[in-house]
Each structure stands twice: as structure tokens, then as C-alpha cells.
Amino acid sequence: MTQPRFAAIGFPVADMARSLEFYRALGLDVPDGAEDAPHVEIELAPGVKLLLDTHATIASFDPGFTPPEESGANLAFDCGDPAGVDELYEKLTAAGYESHLAPWDAFWGQRYAVVLGPDGNGVDLYAALPAS
């Protein structure tokens, strides 16, 4: 298994355009024309991104999603390859951490899973799927 590396911070957003306006005001390099996108990635530092997803986007693949009443964030870890996602998911759930989404091949081209940390914060595990 490839050693997981911290790669992204994800935030659910109610209004993408409003959120992008805020991050632009902070000086982040927000992609032009992304205001209507369901998912936006903003590089924070080499190899580290801020991921913004609308509530509707998250609800489209996570039937249990409820918009947070307070700030909600997930840490995201690139596991190197699809097997790495499965291995780390199994390791964490075997250690007693709660699964939120079991590993699956997501429509956006990643093996993807979510485990909840001790405080209920989501930890996304992902890796690019092989090109078909």
C-alpha cells in the first residue's frame, strides 16, 4: 500500500457563487467561470487543494447527507491507488472507526470512501481509478 498523504480539505457549500466570491476575496486562485459548477478545486499549496461541493452534489452520491448546521469540513487523503483506499478503509473500520461510505468506484473517476473520526469529522479516502 502506498503511504497515504494529506491532499485536500473539503467543504460543503450552500451557494457556490457566494463561496467562490469569499475565497477570491481571500486571494485564492479560484477558476474563472466556476460559479455554477457543482464541484470546484482550488490549489492551496503544491499538492494541497480546497474542494468545494454544493449540497446537491453531495446529496447526489450520499443519501444520508444533511447540510451542516455549523461549519462542516472533511479531510481528504490520496491513497495512491484503489487498493490503497480499500486497505486503509478496512484498517480504520477494523480499529473501530465508523464507516460513513464504504469504498466504491465513483462516477468522477476515483475509488472513494469516507470514515468518521472520533469527533464525527469525515475523512475522505480516494485514489484515481485506472484509465479504461
C-alpha atoms as a PDB file:
ATOM      1  CA  MET A   1       0.000   0.000   0.000  1.00  0.00           C
ATOM      2  CA  THR A   2       1.236   3.494  -0.850  1.00  0.00           C
ATOM      3  CA  GLN A   3       1.589   5.692   2.229  1.00  0.00           C
ATOM      4  CA  PRO A   4      -1.478   7.976   2.334  1.00  0.00           C
ATOM      5  CA  ARG A   5      -0.697  11.679   2.082  1.00  0.00           C
ATOM      6  CA  PHE A   6      -2.761  14.658   3.076  1.00  0.00           C
ATOM      7  CA  ALA A   7      -4.121  16.124  -0.166  1.00  0.00           C
ATOM      8  CA  ALA A   8      -7.267  18.198   0.334  1.00  0.00           C
ATOM      9  CA  ILE A   9      -9.777  19.878   2.616  1.00  0.00           C
ATOM     10  CA  GLY A  10     -13.429  19.675   1.551  1.00  0.00           C
ATOM     11  CA  PHE A  11     -16.273  21.985   2.432  1.00  0.00           C
ATOM     12  CA  PRO A  12     -19.960  21.580   1.603  1.00  0.00           C
ATOM     13  CA  VAL A  13     -21.379  24.875   0.324  1.00  0.00           C
ATOM     14  CA  ALA A  14     -24.958  26.072   0.050  1.00  0.00           C
ATOM     15  CA  ASP A  15     -24.213  28.694  -2.614  1.00  0.00           C
ATOM     16  CA  MET A  16     -21.169  28.064  -4.831  1.00  0.00           C
ATOM     17  CA  ALA A  17     -21.040  31.566  -6.317  1.00  0.00           C
ATOM     18  CA  ARG A  18     -21.136  33.187  -2.884  1.00  0.00           C
ATOM     19  CA  SER A  19     -18.460  30.824  -1.568  1.00  0.00           C
ATOM     20  CA  LEU A  20     -16.169  31.461  -4.543  1.00  0.00           C
ATOM     21  CA  GLU A  21     -16.586  35.181  -4.065  1.00  0.00           C
ATOM     22  CA  PHE A  22     -15.357  34.764  -0.484  1.00  0.00           C
ATOM     23  CA  TYR A  23     -12.334  32.641  -1.455  1.00  0.00           C
ATOM     24  CA  ARG A  24     -11.411  35.067  -4.226  1.00  0.00           C
ATOM     25  CA  ALA A  25     -11.586  37.879  -1.665  1.00  0.00           C
ATOM     26  CA  LEU A  26      -9.115  35.927   0.444  1.00  0.00           C
ATOM     27  CA  GLY A  27      -6.755  35.919  -2.517  1.00  0.00           C
ATOM     28  CA  LEU A  28      -7.123  32.301  -3.594  1.00  0.00           C
ATOM     29  CA  ASP A  29      -6.764  31.460  -7.291  1.00  0.00           C
ATOM     30  CA  VAL A  30     -10.359  30.450  -7.993  1.00  0.00           C
ATOM     31  CA  PRO A  31     -11.017  29.102 -11.514  1.00  0.00           C
ATOM     32  CA  ASP A  32     -12.846  31.570 -13.774  1.00  0.00           C
ATOM     33  CA  GLY A  33     -16.436  30.659 -14.586  1.00  0.00           C
ATOM     34  CA  ALA A  34     -16.806  28.131 -11.760  1.00  0.00           C
ATOM     35  CA  GLU A  35     -19.772  29.843 -10.117  1.00  0.00           C
ATOM     36  CA  ASP A  36     -22.304  27.349 -11.496  1.00  0.00           C
ATOM     37  CA  ALA A  37     -20.097  24.269 -11.055  1.00  0.00           C
ATOM     38  CA  PRO A  38     -21.209  21.547  -8.635  1.00  0.00           C
ATOM     39  CA  HIS A  39     -17.570  20.880  -7.605  1.00  0.00           C
ATOM     40  CA  VAL A  40     -14.598  23.269  -7.560  1.00  0.00           C
ATOM     41  CA  GLU A  41     -10.960  22.609  -6.674  1.00  0.00           C
ATOM     42  CA  ILE A  42      -8.674  25.427  -5.543  1.00  0.00           C
ATOM     43  CA  GLU A  43      -4.970  24.814  -5.040  1.00  0.00           C
ATOM     44  CA  LEU A  44      -3.864  25.977  -1.597  1.00  0.00           C
ATOM     45  CA  ALA A  45      -0.243  24.855  -1.831  1.00  0.00           C
ATOM     46  CA  PRO A  46       1.625  22.412  -4.034  1.00  0.00           C
ATOM     47  CA  GLY A  47      -0.255  19.137  -3.670  1.00  0.00           C
ATOM     48  CA  VAL A  48      -2.946  20.525  -1.318  1.00  0.00           C
ATOM     49  CA  LYS A  49      -6.391  21.644  -2.524  1.00  0.00           C
ATOM     50  CA  LEU A  50      -9.560  23.121  -1.150  1.00  0.00           C
ATOM     51  CA  LEU A  51     -12.534  21.156  -2.514  1.00  0.00           C
ATOM     52  CA  LEU A  52     -15.949  22.825  -2.621  1.00  0.00           C
ATOM     53  CA  ASP A  53     -19.092  20.793  -3.338  1.00  0.00           C
ATOM     54  CA  THR A  54     -22.652  22.035  -3.390  1.00  0.00           C
ATOM     55  CA  HIS A  55     -25.127  20.388  -1.060  1.00  0.00           C
ATOM     56  CA  ALA A  56     -26.941  18.987  -4.113  1.00  0.00           C
ATOM     57  CA  THR A  57     -23.726  17.404  -5.409  1.00  0.00           C
ATOM     58  CA  ILE A  58     -23.006  15.686  -2.118  1.00  0.00           C
ATOM     59  CA  ALA A  59     -26.626  14.524  -1.775  1.00  0.00           C
ATOM     60  CA  SER A  60     -26.391  13.013  -5.287  1.00  0.00           C
ATOM     61  CA  PHE A  61     -23.986  10.304  -4.064  1.00  0.00           C
ATOM     62  CA  ASP A  62     -24.522  10.329  -0.297  1.00  0.00           C
ATOM     63  CA  PRO A  63     -28.181   9.598   0.520  1.00  0.00           C
ATOM     64  CA  GLY A  64     -27.549  10.283   4.220  1.00  0.00           C
ATOM     65  CA  PHE A  65     -26.142  13.779   3.666  1.00  0.00           C
ATOM     66  CA  THR A  66     -27.659  16.541   5.756  1.00  0.00           C
ATOM     67  CA  PRO A  67     -26.305  20.066   5.326  1.00  0.00           C
ATOM     68  CA  PRO A  68     -24.337  21.000   8.434  1.00  0.00           C
ATOM     69  CA  GLU A  69     -25.848  23.434  10.898  1.00  0.00           C
ATOM     70  CA  GLU A  70     -22.342  24.683  11.620  1.00  0.00           C
ATOM     71  CA  SER A  71     -19.133  24.684   9.626  1.00  0.00           C
ATOM     72  CA  GLY A  72     -18.529  21.250   8.156  1.00  0.00           C
ATOM     73  CA  ALA A  73     -15.243  20.022   6.741  1.00  0.00           C
ATOM     74  CA  ASN A  74     -13.660  16.742   5.690  1.00  0.00           C
ATOM     75  CA  LEU A  75     -10.008  15.928   5.446  1.00  0.00           C
ATOM     76  CA  ALA A  76      -9.177  14.067   2.254  1.00  0.00           C
ATOM     77  CA  PHE A  77      -6.334  11.592   1.749  1.00  0.00           C
ATOM     78  CA  ASP A  78      -4.978  10.374  -1.573  1.00  0.00           C
ATOM     79  CA  CYS A  79      -4.294   6.678  -1.013  1.00  0.00           C
ATOM     80  CA  GLY A  80      -2.226   6.274  -4.173  1.00  0.00           C
ATOM     81  CA  ASP A  81      -4.286   3.562  -5.842  1.00  0.00           C
ATOM     82  CA  PRO A  82      -7.732   1.952  -5.499  1.00  0.00           C
ATOM     83  CA  ALA A  83      -6.375  -0.949  -3.418  1.00  0.00           C
ATOM     84  CA  GLY A  84      -4.908   1.609  -1.013  1.00  0.00           C
ATOM     85  CA  VAL A  85      -8.388   3.068  -0.432  1.00  0.00           C
ATOM     86  CA  ASP A  86      -9.764  -0.372   0.405  1.00  0.00           C
ATOM     87  CA  GLU A  87      -6.817  -1.287   2.649  1.00  0.00           C
ATOM     88  CA  LEU A  88      -6.907   1.927   4.684  1.00  0.00           C
ATOM     89  CA  TYR A  89     -10.721   1.803   4.950  1.00  0.00           C
ATOM     90  CA  GLU A  90     -10.508  -1.779   6.282  1.00  0.00           C
ATOM     91  CA  LYS A  91      -7.719  -0.839   8.706  1.00  0.00           C
ATOM     92  CA  LEU A  92      -9.663   2.107  10.127  1.00  0.00           C
ATOM     93  CA  THR A  93     -13.027   0.370  10.395  1.00  0.00           C
ATOM     94  CA  ALA A  94     -11.359  -2.711  11.927  1.00  0.00           C
ATOM     95  CA  ALA A  95      -9.900  -0.368  14.553  1.00  0.00           C
ATOM     96  CA  GLY A  96     -13.439   0.676  15.465  1.00  0.00           C
ATOM     97  CA  TYR A  97     -13.830   3.890  13.486  1.00  0.00           C
ATOM     98  CA  GLU A  98     -17.268   4.350  11.956  1.00  0.00           C
ATOM     99  CA  SER A  99     -17.813   3.971   8.229  1.00  0.00           C
ATOM    100  CA  HIS A 100     -19.851   6.668   6.538  1.00  0.00           C
ATOM    101  CA  LEU A 101     -19.459   5.486   2.919  1.00  0.00           C
ATOM    102  CA  ALA A 102     -17.907   2.120   2.067  1.00  0.00           C
ATOM    103  CA  PRO A 103     -15.389   2.119  -0.813  1.00  0.00           C
ATOM    104  CA  TRP A 104     -16.959   2.431  -4.257  1.00  0.00           C
ATOM    105  CA  ASP A 105     -15.936   3.421  -7.766  1.00  0.00           C
ATOM    106  CA  ALA A 106     -17.269   6.960  -8.065  1.00  0.00           C
ATOM    107  CA  PHE A 107     -18.593   8.376 -11.319  1.00  0.00           C
ATOM    108  CA  TRP A 108     -15.936  11.118 -11.233  1.00  0.00           C
ATOM    109  CA  GLY A 109     -13.133   8.561 -11.704  1.00  0.00           C
ATOM    110  CA  GLN A 110     -11.989   7.742  -8.191  1.00  0.00           C
ATOM    111  CA  ARG A 111     -12.199   4.898  -5.730  1.00  0.00           C
ATOM    112  CA  TYR A 112     -13.820   6.720  -2.831  1.00  0.00           C
ATOM    113  CA  ALA A 113     -14.776   6.067   0.799  1.00  0.00           C
ATOM    114  CA  VAL A 114     -15.495   8.081   3.959  1.00  0.00           C
ATOM    115  CA  VAL A 115     -14.675   7.124   7.552  1.00  0.00           C
ATOM    116  CA  LEU A 116     -15.679   9.236  10.553  1.00  0.00           C
ATOM    117  CA  GLY A 117     -13.001  10.289  13.017  1.00  0.00           C
ATOM    118  CA  PRO A 118     -13.504  10.148  16.769  1.00  0.00           C
ATOM    119  CA  ASP A 119     -15.294  13.513  16.763  1.00  0.00           C
ATOM    120  CA  GLY A 120     -17.514  12.634  13.821  1.00  0.00           C
ATOM    121  CA  ASN A 121     -15.461  14.564  11.252  1.00  0.00           C
ATOM    122  CA  GLY A 122     -15.332  12.933   7.856  1.00  0.00           C
ATOM    123  CA  VAL A 123     -12.091  11.614   6.428  1.00  0.00           C
ATOM    124  CA  ASP A 124     -12.298  11.009   2.688  1.00  0.00           C
ATOM    125  CA  LEU A 125     -10.128   8.251   1.239  1.00  0.00           C
ATOM    126  CA  TYR A 126      -9.628   8.310  -2.516  1.00  0.00           C
ATOM    127  CA  ALA A 127      -7.449   7.291  -5.426  1.00  0.00           C
ATOM    128  CA  ALA A 128      -7.732   7.697  -9.177  1.00  0.00           C
ATOM    129  CA  LEU A 129      -9.243   4.736 -10.971  1.00  0.00           C
ATOM    130  CA  PRO A 130      -7.158   3.229 -13.778  1.00  0.00           C
ATOM    131  CA  ALA A 131      -7.922   4.685 -17.200  1.00  0.00           C
ATOM    132  CA  SER A 132     -10.196   2.389 -19.174  1.00  0.00           C
END
